[in-house]
Amino acid sequence: MQAFESVTLYGLPLVSKRRVAYSQIDPVVSRELFIREALVNQDTKLNDDFLTENQLEVDEIKGLEDKTRRRDLLVDEEALVEFYAQHIPAHVCSEASFKKWWSKTKPASQIC
């Protein structure tokens, strides 16, 4: 996730609309947004097996909810966010930091 930065000197704009990684500005909010949007809502460029498997599980449960006309089989988004937040270290707040952490962690354990 990126944000725009403006740099001024005594009110005179030196740089306008420079792109910066939002994780450098506010890592806590960036982590929350990364988990919620990239991992839970699948709005990411990451292409790992566990994400595909998790989405297949969610789709299967949604199909069961449609068949049974019930909407209480799939856990809510907050539960999924909490699950990822518990399993992913605090320093992971972007796709790049996730890829770096996951490449070291992946052989040792699977979080899906």
C-alpha atoms as a PDB file:
ATOM      1  CA  MET A   1       0.000   0.000   0.000  1.00  0.00           C
ATOM      2  CA  GLN A   2       1.285   3.419  -0.890  1.00  0.00           C
ATOM      3  CA  ALA A   3       0.608   6.985   0.135  1.00  0.00           C
ATOM      4  CA  PHE A   4       1.551  10.355  -1.293  1.00  0.00           C
ATOM      5  CA  GLU A   5       4.063  12.568   0.486  1.00  0.00           C
ATOM      6  CA  SER A   6       4.692  16.264   0.040  1.00  0.00           C
ATOM      7  CA  VAL A   7       7.928  17.920   1.112  1.00  0.00           C
ATOM      8  CA  THR A   8       7.998  21.635   1.813  1.00  0.00           C
ATOM      9  CA  LEU A   9      10.648  24.066   2.983  1.00  0.00           C
ATOM     10  CA  TYR A  10       9.313  27.198   4.690  1.00  0.00           C
ATOM     11  CA  GLY A  11       5.986  26.641   2.944  1.00  0.00           C
ATOM     12  CA  LEU A  12       7.562  26.249  -0.498  1.00  0.00           C
ATOM     13  CA  PRO A  13       6.754  22.848  -2.009  1.00  0.00           C
ATOM     14  CA  LEU A  14       9.920  20.969  -2.948  1.00  0.00           C
ATOM     15  CA  VAL A  15       8.362  17.620  -3.760  1.00  0.00           C
ATOM     16  CA  SER A  16       4.694  17.058  -4.490  1.00  0.00           C
ATOM     17  CA  LYS A  17       2.879  13.709  -4.557  1.00  0.00           C
ATOM     18  CA  ARG A  18       5.921  11.488  -4.034  1.00  0.00           C
ATOM     19  CA  ARG A  19       4.886   7.869  -3.517  1.00  0.00           C
ATOM     20  CA  VAL A  20       6.012   6.249  -0.278  1.00  0.00           C
ATOM     21  CA  ALA A  21       5.209   2.927   1.336  1.00  0.00           C
ATOM     22  CA  TYR A  22       2.484   3.452   3.927  1.00  0.00           C
ATOM     23  CA  SER A  23       4.199   0.913   6.171  1.00  0.00           C
ATOM     24  CA  GLN A  24       6.945   3.517   6.731  1.00  0.00           C
ATOM     25  CA  ILE A  25       4.386   6.096   7.862  1.00  0.00           C
ATOM     26  CA  ASP A  26       2.169   3.991  10.154  1.00  0.00           C
ATOM     27  CA  PRO A  27       3.156   0.310  10.432  1.00  0.00           C
ATOM     28  CA  VAL A  28       0.325  -0.569  12.834  1.00  0.00           C
ATOM     29  CA  VAL A  29      -2.446   0.655  10.535  1.00  0.00           C
ATOM     30  CA  SER A  30      -0.594  -0.746   7.545  1.00  0.00           C
ATOM     31  CA  ARG A  31      -0.484  -4.180   9.189  1.00  0.00           C
ATOM     32  CA  GLU A  32      -4.213  -4.075   9.931  1.00  0.00           C
ATOM     33  CA  LEU A  33      -5.009  -3.069   6.357  1.00  0.00           C
ATOM     34  CA  PHE A  34      -2.624  -5.664   4.912  1.00  0.00           C
ATOM     35  CA  ILE A  35      -4.182  -8.484   6.912  1.00  0.00           C
ATOM     36  CA  ARG A  36      -7.754  -7.385   6.235  1.00  0.00           C
ATOM     37  CA  GLU A  37      -7.472  -6.537   2.548  1.00  0.00           C
ATOM     38  CA  ALA A  38      -4.649  -8.737   1.269  1.00  0.00           C
ATOM     39  CA  LEU A  39      -5.038 -11.909   3.295  1.00  0.00           C
ATOM     40  CA  VAL A  40      -8.712 -11.985   4.273  1.00  0.00           C
ATOM     41  CA  ASN A  41     -10.292 -10.286   1.236  1.00  0.00           C
ATOM     42  CA  GLN A  42      -7.711 -11.670  -1.238  1.00  0.00           C
ATOM     43  CA  ASP A  43      -6.888  -8.224  -2.692  1.00  0.00           C
ATOM     44  CA  THR A  44      -3.229  -9.011  -3.256  1.00  0.00           C
ATOM     45  CA  LYS A  45      -0.605  -9.970  -5.794  1.00  0.00           C
ATOM     46  CA  LEU A  46       0.579 -12.770  -3.512  1.00  0.00           C
ATOM     47  CA  ASN A  47       0.149 -16.167  -5.111  1.00  0.00           C
ATOM     48  CA  ASP A  48       0.782 -18.703  -2.361  1.00  0.00           C
ATOM     49  CA  ASP A  49      -0.849 -22.090  -2.030  1.00  0.00           C
ATOM     50  CA  PHE A  50      -2.326 -21.392   1.400  1.00  0.00           C
ATOM     51  CA  LEU A  51      -4.225 -18.352   0.058  1.00  0.00           C
ATOM     52  CA  THR A  52      -5.706 -20.417  -2.754  1.00  0.00           C
ATOM     53  CA  GLU A  53      -6.653 -23.224  -0.364  1.00  0.00           C
ATOM     54  CA  ASN A  54      -8.192 -20.785   2.104  1.00  0.00           C
ATOM     55  CA  GLN A  55     -10.264 -19.160  -0.643  1.00  0.00           C
ATOM     56  CA  LEU A  56     -11.470 -22.578  -1.828  1.00  0.00           C
ATOM     57  CA  GLU A  57     -12.581 -23.370   1.732  1.00  0.00           C
ATOM     58  CA  VAL A  58     -14.415 -20.041   2.015  1.00  0.00           C
ATOM     59  CA  ASP A  59     -16.125 -20.615  -1.341  1.00  0.00           C
ATOM     60  CA  GLU A  60     -17.175 -24.112  -0.272  1.00  0.00           C
ATOM     61  CA  ILE A  61     -18.661 -22.827   2.980  1.00  0.00           C
ATOM     62  CA  LYS A  62     -20.473 -20.027   1.139  1.00  0.00           C
ATOM     63  CA  GLY A  63     -21.912 -22.663  -1.182  1.00  0.00           C
ATOM     64  CA  LEU A  64     -23.147 -24.622   1.831  1.00  0.00           C
ATOM     65  CA  GLU A  65     -24.671 -21.441   3.255  1.00  0.00           C
ATOM     66  CA  ASP A  66     -26.526 -20.881  -0.018  1.00  0.00           C
ATOM     67  CA  LYS A  67     -27.816 -24.462  -0.087  1.00  0.00           C
ATOM     68  CA  THR A  68     -29.003 -24.434   3.507  1.00  0.00           C
ATOM     69  CA  ARG A  69     -30.118 -20.778   3.413  1.00  0.00           C
ATOM     70  CA  ARG A  70     -28.149 -20.095   6.559  1.00  0.00           C
ATOM     71  CA  ARG A  71     -25.607 -17.315   7.020  1.00  0.00           C
ATOM     72  CA  ASP A  72     -23.917 -18.524  10.185  1.00  0.00           C
ATOM     73  CA  LEU A  73     -21.568 -21.243   8.911  1.00  0.00           C
ATOM     74  CA  LEU A  74     -18.676 -19.016   7.843  1.00  0.00           C
ATOM     75  CA  VAL A  75     -16.886 -17.103  10.561  1.00  0.00           C
ATOM     76  CA  ASP A  76     -17.026 -13.349  10.233  1.00  0.00           C
ATOM     77  CA  GLU A  77     -14.234 -11.233   8.806  1.00  0.00           C
ATOM     78  CA  GLU A  78     -13.055 -10.138  12.259  1.00  0.00           C
ATOM     79  CA  ALA A  79     -12.359 -13.734  13.274  1.00  0.00           C
ATOM     80  CA  LEU A  80     -10.244 -14.264  10.167  1.00  0.00           C
ATOM     81  CA  VAL A  81      -8.355 -11.020  10.809  1.00  0.00           C
ATOM     82  CA  GLU A  82      -7.707 -12.110  14.394  1.00  0.00           C
ATOM     83  CA  PHE A  83      -6.487 -15.526  13.201  1.00  0.00           C
ATOM     84  CA  TYR A  84      -3.941 -13.994  10.831  1.00  0.00           C
ATOM     85  CA  ALA A  85      -2.902 -11.376  13.411  1.00  0.00           C
ATOM     86  CA  GLN A  86      -2.109 -14.123  15.913  1.00  0.00           C
ATOM     87  CA  HIS A  87      -0.012 -16.140  13.465  1.00  0.00           C
ATOM     88  CA  ILE A  88       1.885 -13.386  11.670  1.00  0.00           C
ATOM     89  CA  PRO A  89       4.612 -11.429  13.498  1.00  0.00           C
ATOM     90  CA  ALA A  90       4.090  -7.739  14.260  1.00  0.00           C
ATOM     91  CA  HIS A  91       6.782  -6.557  11.838  1.00  0.00           C
ATOM     92  CA  VAL A  92       4.898  -7.960   8.820  1.00  0.00           C
ATOM     93  CA  CYS A  93       2.865  -5.058   7.437  1.00  0.00           C
ATOM     94  CA  SER A  94       3.213  -5.268   3.638  1.00  0.00           C
ATOM     95  CA  GLU A  95       3.434  -7.771   0.807  1.00  0.00           C
ATOM     96  CA  ALA A  96       7.211  -7.425   0.702  1.00  0.00           C
ATOM     97  CA  SER A  97       7.673  -8.051   4.424  1.00  0.00           C
ATOM     98  CA  PHE A  98       5.185 -10.927   4.255  1.00  0.00           C
ATOM     99  CA  LYS A  99       7.072 -12.566   1.375  1.00  0.00           C
ATOM    100  CA  LYS A 100      10.359 -12.252   3.262  1.00  0.00           C
ATOM    101  CA  TRP A 101       8.895 -13.689   6.473  1.00  0.00           C
ATOM    102  CA  TRP A 102       6.921 -16.417   4.684  1.00  0.00           C
ATOM    103  CA  SER A 103       9.935 -17.609   2.695  1.00  0.00           C
ATOM    104  CA  LYS A 104      11.769 -18.253   5.981  1.00  0.00           C
ATOM    105  CA  THR A 105       8.761 -19.689   7.823  1.00  0.00           C
ATOM    106  CA  LYS A 106       7.037 -21.722   5.110  1.00  0.00           C
ATOM    107  CA  PRO A 107       9.142 -24.914   5.326  1.00  0.00           C
ATOM    108  CA  ALA A 108       8.873 -25.015   9.117  1.00  0.00           C
ATOM    109  CA  SER A 109       5.102 -24.672   9.468  1.00  0.00           C
ATOM    110  CA  GLN A 110       1.919 -23.991   7.565  1.00  0.00           C
ATOM    111  CA  ILE A 111      -0.551 -21.466   9.005  1.00  0.00           C
ATOM    112  CA  CYS A 112      -3.503 -22.489   6.884  1.00  0.00           C
END
